[in-house]
Amino acid sequence: MMHHRLYTIAGFARYPSLDVPDRRFLSSGYYQLGIVAARADLRALKAACADLFARAYGHPGSDLSFPIRAEPAGREFVQARTRERPNILIPRERRAIGILRGDTVRVSGTLHPYQMDSRCGVRFLLEAVEFLAADTARAA
């Protein structure tokens, strides 16, 4: 199966579930993290996903699902998730707190194209999360 390593998407954490899997939609759960990234990074990710899908399946696909979602306020974010707990790179003094919504993080993982029945697209499988900075608005 063709896939593509994605090393550095940086942005603000949204909907983090990194210590305990989120079981709302799957009983075994997913570890997940949304990343609000720069618009240019989102455009580049969409293009990379479309290209990867076309190379994997030999056609551009129609109505592809990408790992990009929209918040109720309209801001887009990258949805990364995995069934296995990702590596979390965080300073020792921050480990008890963990990664919270709004913290600045950088993530790495793998883009995986899929085609199942009428559904097709690309998933972003999360492998590692690096804590870069705390949300200063929350800390104030």
Protein backbone atom coordinates (compact mmCIF):
# COMPACT_ATOMS: atom_id res chain seq x y z
CA MET A 1 0.00 0.00 0.00
CA MET A 2 1.31 3.40 -0.94
CA HIS A 3 1.66 5.94 1.85
CA HIS A 4 3.44 9.20 2.54
CA ARG A 5 5.34 10.26 5.67
CA LEU A 6 4.29 13.63 7.02
CA TYR A 7 6.83 15.04 9.44
CA THR A 8 5.94 18.51 10.55
CA ILE A 9 2.55 20.03 10.72
CA ALA A 10 2.61 22.65 13.45
CA GLY A 11 -0.34 24.44 14.93
CA PHE A 12 -2.70 24.71 17.86
CA ALA A 13 -4.08 21.55 19.47
CA ARG A 14 -7.82 20.89 19.20
CA TYR A 15 -9.77 17.98 20.67
CA PRO A 16 -6.73 16.21 22.16
CA SER A 17 -7.25 12.65 23.32
CA LEU A 18 -3.69 11.41 23.72
CA ASP A 19 -3.56 9.75 27.14
CA VAL A 20 -6.89 7.89 26.98
CA PRO A 21 -8.54 6.86 23.69
CA ASP A 22 -11.76 8.60 22.65
CA ARG A 23 -14.48 5.93 22.57
CA ARG A 24 -17.42 8.02 21.31
CA PHE A 25 -17.54 6.42 17.86
CA LEU A 26 -15.56 3.18 18.29
CA SER A 27 -15.61 0.93 21.36
CA SER A 28 -11.84 0.28 21.24
CA GLY A 29 -11.26 4.00 20.79
CA TYR A 30 -8.84 6.27 18.94
CA TYR A 31 -6.04 8.44 20.21
CA GLN A 32 -6.50 11.67 18.33
CA LEU A 33 -5.55 15.28 17.95
CA GLY A 34 -6.80 18.10 15.78
CA ILE A 35 -4.25 20.67 14.65
CA VAL A 36 -5.31 24.18 13.61
CA ALA A 37 -2.58 24.90 11.06
CA ALA A 38 -1.75 27.77 8.72
CA ARG A 39 -3.93 28.01 5.58
CA ALA A 40 -0.90 27.44 3.33
CA ASP A 41 -0.13 24.19 5.21
CA LEU A 42 -3.75 23.05 4.82
CA ARG A 43 -3.70 23.77 1.07
CA ALA A 44 -0.42 21.86 0.72
CA LEU A 45 -1.84 18.94 2.69
CA LYS A 46 -4.98 18.81 0.52
CA ALA A 47 -2.82 18.78 -2.63
CA ALA A 48 -0.55 16.06 -1.20
CA CYS A 49 -3.59 13.94 -0.27
CA ALA A 50 -5.14 14.27 -3.73
CA ASP A 51 -1.81 13.40 -5.40
CA LEU A 52 -1.21 10.42 -3.12
CA PHE A 53 -4.70 9.04 -3.77
CA ALA A 54 -4.29 9.43 -7.55
CA ARG A 55 -0.90 7.66 -7.48
CA ALA A 56 -2.25 4.83 -5.30
CA TYR A 57 -5.43 4.13 -7.26
CA GLY A 58 -4.64 5.45 -10.73
CA HIS A 59 -7.51 7.92 -10.82
CA PRO A 60 -8.27 11.23 -9.10
CA GLY A 61 -11.34 9.93 -7.25
CA SER A 62 -14.51 11.86 -6.69
CA ASP A 63 -15.77 13.28 -3.41
CA LEU A 64 -12.57 12.31 -1.60
CA SER A 65 -12.44 12.51 2.18
CA PHE A 66 -9.31 14.19 3.52
CA PRO A 67 -8.10 14.43 7.13
CA ILE A 68 -9.26 18.06 7.28
CA ARG A 69 -12.35 19.02 9.24
CA ALA A 70 -14.13 22.30 9.99
CA GLU A 71 -14.85 23.70 13.44
CA PRO A 72 -18.29 25.23 14.10
CA ALA A 73 -16.64 28.68 13.78
CA GLY A 74 -15.54 27.75 10.26
CA ARG A 75 -11.83 27.32 10.97
CA GLU A 76 -10.32 24.19 9.43
CA PHE A 77 -8.09 21.76 11.27
CA VAL A 78 -6.17 18.59 10.48
CA GLN A 79 -7.61 15.45 12.09
CA ALA A 80 -4.91 12.93 13.05
CA ARG A 81 -5.69 9.71 14.87
CA THR A 82 -4.50 6.20 15.58
CA ARG A 83 -5.54 3.14 17.53
CA GLU A 84 -2.10 2.86 19.13
CA ARG A 85 -0.93 5.47 21.66
CA PRO A 86 1.35 7.93 19.80
CA ASN A 87 4.78 8.98 21.00
CA ILE A 88 4.45 12.18 22.99
CA LEU A 89 7.50 14.43 23.24
CA ILE A 90 6.96 16.75 26.16
CA PRO A 91 9.24 18.36 28.76
CA ARG A 92 9.47 16.49 32.06
CA GLU A 93 7.93 19.36 34.04
CA ARG A 94 4.90 19.35 31.72
CA ARG A 95 4.20 15.58 31.69
CA ALA A 96 1.68 15.64 34.54
CA ILE A 97 -0.40 18.24 32.67
CA GLY A 98 -0.12 16.75 29.20
CA ILE A 99 -1.16 18.45 25.96
CA LEU A 100 -4.24 20.62 26.24
CA ARG A 101 -6.50 22.42 23.77
CA GLY A 102 -4.77 25.53 22.42
CA ASP A 103 -1.21 24.37 23.10
CA THR A 104 1.20 24.72 20.19
CA VAL A 105 2.29 21.32 18.91
CA ARG A 106 4.03 19.72 15.98
CA VAL A 107 2.91 16.30 14.75
CA SER A 108 4.20 13.56 12.50
CA GLY A 109 2.50 10.59 10.97
CA THR A 110 1.65 8.84 7.76
CA LEU A 111 -0.94 9.64 5.11
CA HIS A 112 -2.76 6.48 3.98
CA PRO A 113 -5.08 6.44 0.95
CA TYR A 114 -8.12 4.14 1.10
CA GLN A 115 -10.94 3.04 -1.16
CA MET A 116 -13.80 1.04 0.37
CA ASP A 117 -17.03 0.66 -1.56
CA SER A 118 -18.23 4.19 -2.33
CA ARG A 119 -16.01 5.82 0.33
CA CYS A 120 -12.51 6.88 -0.56
CA GLY A 121 -9.92 9.34 0.63
CA VAL A 122 -6.81 9.71 2.74
CA ARG A 123 -6.33 9.21 6.50
CA PHE A 124 -3.63 10.82 8.63
CA LEU A 125 -2.33 8.20 11.06
CA LEU A 126 -0.76 9.94 14.03
CA GLU A 127 2.63 8.67 15.16
CA ALA A 128 4.15 11.41 17.33
CA VAL A 129 3.20 14.70 18.96
CA GLU A 130 5.76 17.26 20.10
CA PHE A 131 4.77 19.91 22.64
CA LEU A 132 6.16 23.32 21.62
CA ALA A 133 4.42 25.89 23.88
CA ALA A 134 1.52 26.26 26.28
CA ASP A 135 -1.58 28.24 25.37
CA THR A 136 -0.63 31.63 26.78
CA ALA A 137 -4.26 32.86 26.85
CA ARG A 138 -5.21 29.94 29.10
CA ALA A 139 -2.14 30.39 31.33
CA ALA A 140 -2.86 34.08 31.91
